[in-house]
Amino acid sequence: MTSKSHTLNQNRTIHLVVANHLRQAIINGQLKPGQKLIQDEIAAEYGISRMPVREAFRTLAAEGYVMIYPHRGVIVTELSTAEIEEIFSIRILLEGWATRLAAASITADSLARLNDLIDEMEISQATPARYHVLNTAFHDTIFKAAQQPRLRALVMNLRNVVEPYLRIYLSGEGRIQRAHSVHKALCEALAARDAEKAEQLAKDHLRQALDALLSNLPHVAELPDADFE
């Protein structure tokens, strides 16, 4: 009984490691929307049995990162235009609200962190992959400042699901510079505790990103893999 229990716990631990690695590969664009994941290949890559790989697939399917099809296998989730619009409509509401809450409760430490990220992004504008990482950290700092952990979890999950597509927005000419201007304006609004302005900036920022995504959606498969550090 002890041996079986140990094996079961070990499989659970392994499946979480595999799920985390696959999740990051999807978010980073290394595994692309519509790409098929081969169970045996992944098991061989990690030197493990197929059971923890199957469990990892189930975890990712529950989170929305992959789709499991009978007789077809596991496919990295490929979002339709309607699905992207739906996700962004929810994000606009939730992220706008989170930003409004952050304006009322943000601490000096969080503001300092945002300003540090702004400085890092300033010198990373010529490196989209690095800017993308900093961009995620910037917005997550705002969501943490809202002091609503469930709201933050919902927002970050929605962001992660569309993350492979968000590289489209930053890949367009001049978009990093425009995004950077919005980030600086957001910092100023949060520092001034101007909740209404901060919320509106966050919502407008997302609407612009959605418009850019929809106009470039057919080209998502042509984008290079993100070179994350």
C-alpha atoms as a PDB file:
ATOM      1  CA  MET A   1       0.000   0.000   0.000  1.00  0.00           C
ATOM      2  CA  THR A   2       2.811   2.394   0.909  1.00  0.00           C
ATOM      3  CA  SER A   3       4.614   1.667  -2.359  1.00  0.00           C
ATOM      4  CA  LYS A   4       1.465   2.288  -4.423  1.00  0.00           C
ATOM      5  CA  SER A   5       0.772   5.510  -2.533  1.00  0.00           C
ATOM      6  CA  HIS A   6       4.336   6.712  -3.122  1.00  0.00           C
ATOM      7  CA  THR A   7       4.060   5.933  -6.840  1.00  0.00           C
ATOM      8  CA  LEU A   8       0.733   7.766  -7.070  1.00  0.00           C
ATOM      9  CA  ASN A   9       2.108  10.862  -5.329  1.00  0.00           C
ATOM     10  CA  GLN A  10       5.207  10.762  -7.523  1.00  0.00           C
ATOM     11  CA  ASN A  11       3.052  10.628 -10.671  1.00  0.00           C
ATOM     12  CA  ARG A  12       1.040  13.595  -9.432  1.00  0.00           C
ATOM     13  CA  THR A  13       4.222  15.586  -8.872  1.00  0.00           C
ATOM     14  CA  ILE A  14       5.584  14.657 -12.296  1.00  0.00           C
ATOM     15  CA  HIS A  15       2.344  15.552 -14.039  1.00  0.00           C
ATOM     16  CA  LEU A  16       2.423  19.028 -12.479  1.00  0.00           C
ATOM     17  CA  VAL A  17       5.988  19.558 -13.710  1.00  0.00           C
ATOM     18  CA  VAL A  18       5.054  18.435 -17.230  1.00  0.00           C
ATOM     19  CA  ALA A  19       1.897  20.556 -17.216  1.00  0.00           C
ATOM     20  CA  ASN A  20       3.889  23.608 -16.137  1.00  0.00           C
ATOM     21  CA  HIS A  21       6.506  23.132 -18.868  1.00  0.00           C
ATOM     22  CA  LEU A  22       3.869  22.634 -21.562  1.00  0.00           C
ATOM     23  CA  ARG A  23       1.864  25.604 -20.286  1.00  0.00           C
ATOM     24  CA  GLN A  24       4.896  27.880 -20.519  1.00  0.00           C
ATOM     25  CA  ALA A  25       5.714  26.575 -23.995  1.00  0.00           C
ATOM     26  CA  ILE A  26       2.170  27.437 -25.109  1.00  0.00           C
ATOM     27  CA  ILE A  27       2.251  30.884 -23.500  1.00  0.00           C
ATOM     28  CA  ASN A  28       5.687  31.619 -24.985  1.00  0.00           C
ATOM     29  CA  GLY A  29       4.585  30.581 -28.470  1.00  0.00           C
ATOM     30  CA  GLN A  30       6.935  27.596 -28.711  1.00  0.00           C
ATOM     31  CA  LEU A  31       3.844  25.399 -29.031  1.00  0.00           C
ATOM     32  CA  LYS A  32       1.498  27.110 -31.453  1.00  0.00           C
ATOM     33  CA  PRO A  33      -2.307  27.208 -31.603  1.00  0.00           C
ATOM     34  CA  GLY A  34      -3.563  24.172 -33.507  1.00  0.00           C
ATOM     35  CA  GLN A  35      -0.361  22.165 -32.936  1.00  0.00           C
ATOM     36  CA  LYS A  36      -0.848  18.510 -32.016  1.00  0.00           C
ATOM     37  CA  LEU A  37       0.801  17.211 -28.844  1.00  0.00           C
ATOM     38  CA  ILE A  38       2.007  13.612 -29.115  1.00  0.00           C
ATOM     39  CA  GLN A  39       1.724  11.776 -25.805  1.00  0.00           C
ATOM     40  CA  ASP A  40       4.434   9.195 -26.540  1.00  0.00           C
ATOM     41  CA  GLU A  41       6.898  11.851 -27.716  1.00  0.00           C
ATOM     42  CA  ILE A  42       6.415  13.943 -24.578  1.00  0.00           C
ATOM     43  CA  ALA A  43       6.723  10.871 -22.346  1.00  0.00           C
ATOM     44  CA  ALA A  44       9.975   9.925 -24.093  1.00  0.00           C
ATOM     45  CA  GLU A  45      11.307  13.481 -23.825  1.00  0.00           C
ATOM     46  CA  TYR A  46      10.832  13.469 -20.048  1.00  0.00           C
ATOM     47  CA  GLY A  47      11.736   9.815 -19.604  1.00  0.00           C
ATOM     48  CA  ILE A  48       8.418   9.014 -17.936  1.00  0.00           C
ATOM     49  CA  SER A  49       5.385   6.817 -18.492  1.00  0.00           C
ATOM     50  CA  ARG A  50       2.312   8.000 -20.381  1.00  0.00           C
ATOM     51  CA  MET A  51       0.129   8.279 -17.260  1.00  0.00           C
ATOM     52  CA  PRO A  52       1.529  11.600 -15.915  1.00  0.00           C
ATOM     53  CA  VAL A  53       1.471  13.003 -19.464  1.00  0.00           C
ATOM     54  CA  ARG A  54      -2.236  12.156 -19.733  1.00  0.00           C
ATOM     55  CA  GLU A  55      -2.828  13.836 -16.365  1.00  0.00           C
ATOM     56  CA  ALA A  56      -0.904  16.896 -17.539  1.00  0.00           C
ATOM     57  CA  PHE A  57      -3.112  17.052 -20.647  1.00  0.00           C
ATOM     58  CA  ARG A  58      -6.251  16.913 -18.479  1.00  0.00           C
ATOM     59  CA  THR A  59      -4.935  19.747 -16.306  1.00  0.00           C
ATOM     60  CA  LEU A  60      -4.174  21.917 -19.330  1.00  0.00           C
ATOM     61  CA  ALA A  61      -7.549  21.110 -20.889  1.00  0.00           C
ATOM     62  CA  ALA A  62      -9.318  22.236 -17.703  1.00  0.00           C
ATOM     63  CA  GLU A  63      -7.365  25.508 -17.876  1.00  0.00           C
ATOM     64  CA  GLY A  64      -8.234  26.035 -21.541  1.00  0.00           C
ATOM     65  CA  TYR A  65      -4.737  25.639 -22.995  1.00  0.00           C
ATOM     66  CA  VAL A  66      -5.429  22.435 -24.951  1.00  0.00           C
ATOM     67  CA  MET A  67      -8.386  20.562 -26.381  1.00  0.00           C
ATOM     68  CA  ILE A  68      -8.706  16.781 -26.086  1.00  0.00           C
ATOM     69  CA  TYR A  69     -10.479  15.145 -29.031  1.00  0.00           C
ATOM     70  CA  PRO A  70     -11.455  11.446 -29.129  1.00  0.00           C
ATOM     71  CA  HIS A  71      -9.609   9.608 -31.920  1.00  0.00           C
ATOM     72  CA  ARG A  72      -7.751  12.808 -32.822  1.00  0.00           C
ATOM     73  CA  GLY A  73      -5.560  13.506 -29.833  1.00  0.00           C
ATOM     74  CA  VAL A  74      -4.568  16.648 -27.977  1.00  0.00           C
ATOM     75  CA  ILE A  75      -4.380  19.986 -29.781  1.00  0.00           C
ATOM     76  CA  VAL A  76      -3.111  23.330 -28.486  1.00  0.00           C
ATOM     77  CA  THR A  77      -6.223  25.480 -28.236  1.00  0.00           C
ATOM     78  CA  GLU A  78      -6.838  27.506 -31.362  1.00  0.00           C
ATOM     79  CA  LEU A  79      -9.202  30.379 -30.703  1.00  0.00           C
ATOM     80  CA  SER A  80     -11.767  31.581 -33.205  1.00  0.00           C
ATOM     81  CA  THR A  81     -12.390  35.270 -33.812  1.00  0.00           C
ATOM     82  CA  ALA A  82     -15.589  35.029 -31.767  1.00  0.00           C
ATOM     83  CA  GLU A  83     -13.735  33.398 -28.862  1.00  0.00           C
ATOM     84  CA  ILE A  84     -11.014  36.051 -28.877  1.00  0.00           C
ATOM     85  CA  GLU A  85     -13.660  38.781 -28.892  1.00  0.00           C
ATOM     86  CA  GLU A  86     -15.465  37.091 -25.998  1.00  0.00           C
ATOM     87  CA  ILE A  87     -12.285  36.767 -23.930  1.00  0.00           C
ATOM     88  CA  PHE A  88     -11.347  40.386 -24.542  1.00  0.00           C
ATOM     89  CA  SER A  89     -14.834  41.627 -23.674  1.00  0.00           C
ATOM     90  CA  ILE A  90     -14.498  39.861 -20.313  1.00  0.00           C
ATOM     91  CA  ARG A  91     -10.940  41.126 -19.852  1.00  0.00           C
ATOM     92  CA  ILE A  92     -12.002  44.709 -20.518  1.00  0.00           C
ATOM     93  CA  LEU A  93     -14.530  44.504 -17.692  1.00  0.00           C
ATOM     94  CA  LEU A  94     -12.349  42.621 -15.212  1.00  0.00           C
ATOM     95  CA  GLU A  95      -9.041  44.369 -15.878  1.00  0.00           C
ATOM     96  CA  GLY A  96     -10.726  47.755 -15.901  1.00  0.00           C
ATOM     97  CA  TRP A  97     -12.272  46.979 -12.525  1.00  0.00           C
ATOM     98  CA  ALA A  98      -9.006  45.596 -11.128  1.00  0.00           C
ATOM     99  CA  THR A  99      -7.162  48.736 -12.224  1.00  0.00           C
ATOM    100  CA  ARG A 100      -9.809  50.935 -10.599  1.00  0.00           C
ATOM    101  CA  LEU A 101      -9.427  49.005  -7.340  1.00  0.00           C
ATOM    102  CA  ALA A 102      -5.643  49.256  -7.562  1.00  0.00           C
ATOM    103  CA  ALA A 103      -5.844  53.048  -7.784  1.00  0.00           C
ATOM    104  CA  ALA A 104      -7.512  53.107  -4.381  1.00  0.00           C
ATOM    105  CA  SER A 105      -5.238  50.638  -2.614  1.00  0.00           C
ATOM    106  CA  ILE A 106      -1.835  50.696  -4.334  1.00  0.00           C
ATOM    107  CA  THR A 107       1.144  51.004  -1.994  1.00  0.00           C
ATOM    108  CA  ALA A 108       4.340  52.994  -2.367  1.00  0.00           C
ATOM    109  CA  ASP A 109       6.250  49.740  -2.896  1.00  0.00           C
ATOM    110  CA  SER A 110       3.950  48.702  -5.744  1.00  0.00           C
ATOM    111  CA  LEU A 111       4.273  52.119  -7.381  1.00  0.00           C
ATOM    112  CA  ALA A 112       8.049  51.865  -7.101  1.00  0.00           C
ATOM    113  CA  ARG A 113       7.908  48.418  -8.716  1.00  0.00           C
ATOM    114  CA  LEU A 114       5.802  49.778 -11.586  1.00  0.00           C
ATOM    115  CA  ASN A 115       8.253  52.616 -12.164  1.00  0.00           C
ATOM    116  CA  ASP A 116      11.173  50.179 -12.152  1.00  0.00           C
ATOM    117  CA  LEU A 117       9.377  48.098 -14.783  1.00  0.00           C
ATOM    118  CA  ILE A 118       8.708  51.227 -16.839  1.00  0.00           C
ATOM    119  CA  ASP A 119      12.448  51.966 -16.799  1.00  0.00           C
ATOM    120  CA  GLU A 120      13.260  48.395 -17.859  1.00  0.00           C
ATOM    121  CA  MET A 121      10.677  48.527 -20.645  1.00  0.00           C
ATOM    122  CA  GLU A 122      12.113  51.828 -21.825  1.00  0.00           C
ATOM    123  CA  ILE A 123      15.413  50.153 -22.673  1.00  0.00           C
ATOM    124  CA  SER A 124      13.787  46.950 -23.976  1.00  0.00           C
ATOM    125  CA  GLN A 125      11.610  48.420 -26.715  1.00  0.00           C
ATOM    126  CA  ALA A 126      13.862  47.027 -29.436  1.00  0.00           C
ATOM    127  CA  THR A 127      13.498  43.511 -27.988  1.00  0.00           C
ATOM    128  CA  PRO A 128       9.814  42.493 -28.265  1.00  0.00           C
ATOM    129  CA  ALA A 129      10.242  39.175 -26.429  1.00  0.00           C
ATOM    130  CA  ARG A 130      11.806  40.860 -23.402  1.00  0.00           C
ATOM    131  CA  TYR A 131       9.287  43.689 -23.521  1.00  0.00           C
ATOM    132  CA  HIS A 132       6.493  41.120 -23.545  1.00  0.00           C
ATOM    133  CA  VAL A 133       7.775  39.545 -20.308  1.00  0.00           C
ATOM    134  CA  LEU A 134       8.046  42.952 -18.637  1.00  0.00           C
ATOM    135  CA  ASN A 135       4.592  43.892 -19.910  1.00  0.00           C
ATOM    136  CA  THR A 136       3.078  40.858 -18.178  1.00  0.00           C
ATOM    137  CA  ALA A 137       4.910  41.687 -14.943  1.00  0.00           C
ATOM    138  CA  PHE A 138       3.720  45.310 -15.160  1.00  0.00           C
ATOM    139  CA  HIS A 139       0.048  44.419 -15.426  1.00  0.00           C
ATOM    140  CA  ASP A 140       0.283  41.667 -12.823  1.00  0.00           C
ATOM    141  CA  THR A 141       1.758  44.189 -10.375  1.00  0.00           C
ATOM    142  CA  ILE A 142      -1.361  46.306 -10.884  1.00  0.00           C
ATOM    143  CA  PHE A 143      -3.644  43.306 -10.367  1.00  0.00           C
ATOM    144  CA  LYS A 144      -1.815  42.386  -7.156  1.00  0.00           C
ATOM    145  CA  ALA A 145      -2.248  45.964  -5.948  1.00  0.00           C
ATOM    146  CA  ALA A 146      -6.027  45.565  -6.283  1.00  0.00           C
ATOM    147  CA  GLN A 147      -5.800  43.122  -3.344  1.00  0.00           C
ATOM    148  CA  GLN A 148      -8.430  40.823  -4.839  1.00  0.00           C
ATOM    149  CA  PRO A 149      -6.699  37.442  -5.307  1.00  0.00           C
ATOM    150  CA  ARG A 150      -9.635  35.713  -7.002  1.00  0.00           C
ATOM    151  CA  LEU A 151     -10.055  38.592  -9.426  1.00  0.00           C
ATOM    152  CA  ARG A 152      -6.332  38.495 -10.173  1.00  0.00           C
ATOM    153  CA  ALA A 153      -6.469  34.734 -10.791  1.00  0.00           C
ATOM    154  CA  LEU A 154      -9.377  35.127 -13.220  1.00  0.00           C
ATOM    155  CA  VAL A 155      -7.658  37.937 -15.091  1.00  0.00           C
ATOM    156  CA  MET A 156      -4.308  36.164 -15.367  1.00  0.00           C
ATOM    157  CA  ASN A 157      -5.953  32.965 -16.598  1.00  0.00           C
ATOM    158  CA  LEU A 158      -7.740  34.875 -19.362  1.00  0.00           C
ATOM    159  CA  ARG A 159      -4.516  36.681 -20.280  1.00  0.00           C
ATOM    160  CA  ASN A 160      -2.603  33.400 -20.453  1.00  0.00           C
ATOM    161  CA  VAL A 161      -5.167  31.765 -22.746  1.00  0.00           C
ATOM    162  CA  VAL A 162      -4.712  34.507 -25.352  1.00  0.00           C
ATOM    163  CA  GLU A 163      -0.996  35.026 -24.668  1.00  0.00           C
ATOM    164  CA  PRO A 164       0.168  33.267 -27.878  1.00  0.00           C
ATOM    165  CA  TYR A 165      -1.913  35.773 -29.828  1.00  0.00           C
ATOM    166  CA  LEU A 166      -0.771  38.852 -27.913  1.00  0.00           C
ATOM    167  CA  ARG A 167       2.599  38.743 -29.654  1.00  0.00           C
ATOM    168  CA  ILE A 168       0.707  39.898 -32.743  1.00  0.00           C
ATOM    169  CA  TYR A 169      -0.133  43.156 -31.020  1.00  0.00           C
ATOM    170  CA  LEU A 170       3.443  43.894 -29.977  1.00  0.00           C
ATOM    171  CA  SER A 171       4.873  42.772 -33.328  1.00  0.00           C
ATOM    172  CA  GLY A 172       3.199  45.620 -35.219  1.00  0.00           C
ATOM    173  CA  GLU A 173       5.214  48.694 -36.118  1.00  0.00           C
ATOM    174  CA  GLY A 174       5.045  51.369 -33.435  1.00  0.00           C
ATOM    175  CA  ARG A 175       2.830  49.333 -31.111  1.00  0.00           C
ATOM    176  CA  ILE A 176       5.437  48.840 -28.404  1.00  0.00           C
ATOM    177  CA  GLN A 177       5.989  52.590 -28.313  1.00  0.00           C
ATOM    178  CA  ARG A 178       2.240  53.245 -28.062  1.00  0.00           C
ATOM    179  CA  ALA A 179       1.848  50.588 -25.370  1.00  0.00           C
ATOM    180  CA  HIS A 180       4.726  52.132 -23.452  1.00  0.00           C
ATOM    181  CA  SER A 181       3.022  55.526 -23.506  1.00  0.00           C
ATOM    182  CA  VAL A 182      -0.120  53.945 -22.063  1.00  0.00           C
ATOM    183  CA  HIS A 183       1.910  52.240 -19.340  1.00  0.00           C
ATOM    184  CA  LYS A 184       3.460  55.541 -18.287  1.00  0.00           C
ATOM    185  CA  ALA A 185       0.033  57.198 -18.253  1.00  0.00           C
ATOM    186  CA  LEU A 186      -1.298  54.327 -16.143  1.00  0.00           C
ATOM    187  CA  CYS A 187       1.514  54.818 -13.633  1.00  0.00           C
ATOM    188  CA  GLU A 188       0.692  58.501 -13.375  1.00  0.00           C
ATOM    189  CA  ALA A 189      -3.028  57.838 -12.894  1.00  0.00           C
ATOM    190  CA  LEU A 190      -2.359  55.222 -10.223  1.00  0.00           C
ATOM    191  CA  ALA A 191       0.091  57.496  -8.408  1.00  0.00           C
ATOM    192  CA  ALA A 192      -2.550  60.243  -8.449  1.00  0.00           C
ATOM    193  CA  ARG A 193      -5.151  57.688  -7.284  1.00  0.00           C
ATOM    194  CA  ASP A 194      -7.324  58.712 -10.216  1.00  0.00           C
ATOM    195  CA  ALA A 195      -9.416  55.542 -10.378  1.00  0.00           C
ATOM    196  CA  GLU A 196     -11.649  56.661 -13.241  1.00  0.00           C
ATOM    197  CA  LYS A 197      -8.753  57.625 -15.506  1.00  0.00           C
ATOM    198  CA  ALA A 198      -6.782  54.478 -14.668  1.00  0.00           C
ATOM    199  CA  GLU A 199      -9.767  52.267 -15.452  1.00  0.00           C
ATOM    200  CA  GLN A 200     -10.424  54.030 -18.759  1.00  0.00           C
ATOM    201  CA  LEU A 201      -6.777  53.768 -19.811  1.00  0.00           C
ATOM    202  CA  ALA A 202      -6.782  50.034 -19.083  1.00  0.00           C
ATOM    203  CA  LYS A 203      -9.983  49.475 -21.063  1.00  0.00           C
ATOM    204  CA  ASP A 204      -8.859  51.553 -24.050  1.00  0.00           C
ATOM    205  CA  HIS A 205      -5.513  49.737 -24.060  1.00  0.00           C
ATOM    206  CA  LEU A 206      -7.287  46.382 -24.352  1.00  0.00           C
ATOM    207  CA  ARG A 207      -9.641  47.610 -27.073  1.00  0.00           C
ATOM    208  CA  GLN A 208      -6.653  48.743 -29.139  1.00  0.00           C
ATOM    209  CA  ALA A 209      -4.968  45.377 -28.622  1.00  0.00           C
ATOM    210  CA  LEU A 210      -8.125  43.551 -29.722  1.00  0.00           C
ATOM    211  CA  ASP A 211      -8.423  45.638 -32.890  1.00  0.00           C
ATOM    212  CA  ALA A 212      -4.794  44.876 -33.744  1.00  0.00           C
ATOM    213  CA  LEU A 213      -5.276  41.164 -33.106  1.00  0.00           C
ATOM    214  CA  LEU A 214      -8.366  40.877 -35.265  1.00  0.00           C
ATOM    215  CA  SER A 215      -6.730  42.703 -38.155  1.00  0.00           C
ATOM    216  CA  ASN A 216      -3.698  40.383 -38.057  1.00  0.00           C
ATOM    217  CA  LEU A 217      -5.235  37.101 -36.914  1.00  0.00           C
ATOM    218  CA  PRO A 218      -4.618  35.162 -40.172  1.00  0.00           C
ATOM    219  CA  HIS A 219      -0.873  35.712 -39.725  1.00  0.00           C
ATOM    220  CA  VAL A 220      -0.520  34.235 -36.241  1.00  0.00           C
ATOM    221  CA  ALA A 221       1.119  31.028 -37.497  1.00  0.00           C
ATOM    222  CA  GLU A 222       3.773  33.058 -39.327  1.00  0.00           C
ATOM    223  CA  LEU A 223       5.136  34.745 -36.201  1.00  0.00           C
ATOM    224  CA  PRO A 224       8.533  33.541 -34.947  1.00  0.00           C
ATOM    225  CA  ASP A 225       8.849  31.751 -31.627  1.00  0.00           C
ATOM    226  CA  ALA A 226       9.342  34.051 -28.666  1.00  0.00           C
ATOM    227  CA  ASP A 227      12.959  34.073 -27.519  1.00  0.00           C
ATOM    228  CA  PHE A 228      12.371  34.350 -23.793  1.00  0.00           C
ATOM    229  CA  GLU A 229      15.244  34.529 -21.375  1.00  0.00           C
END
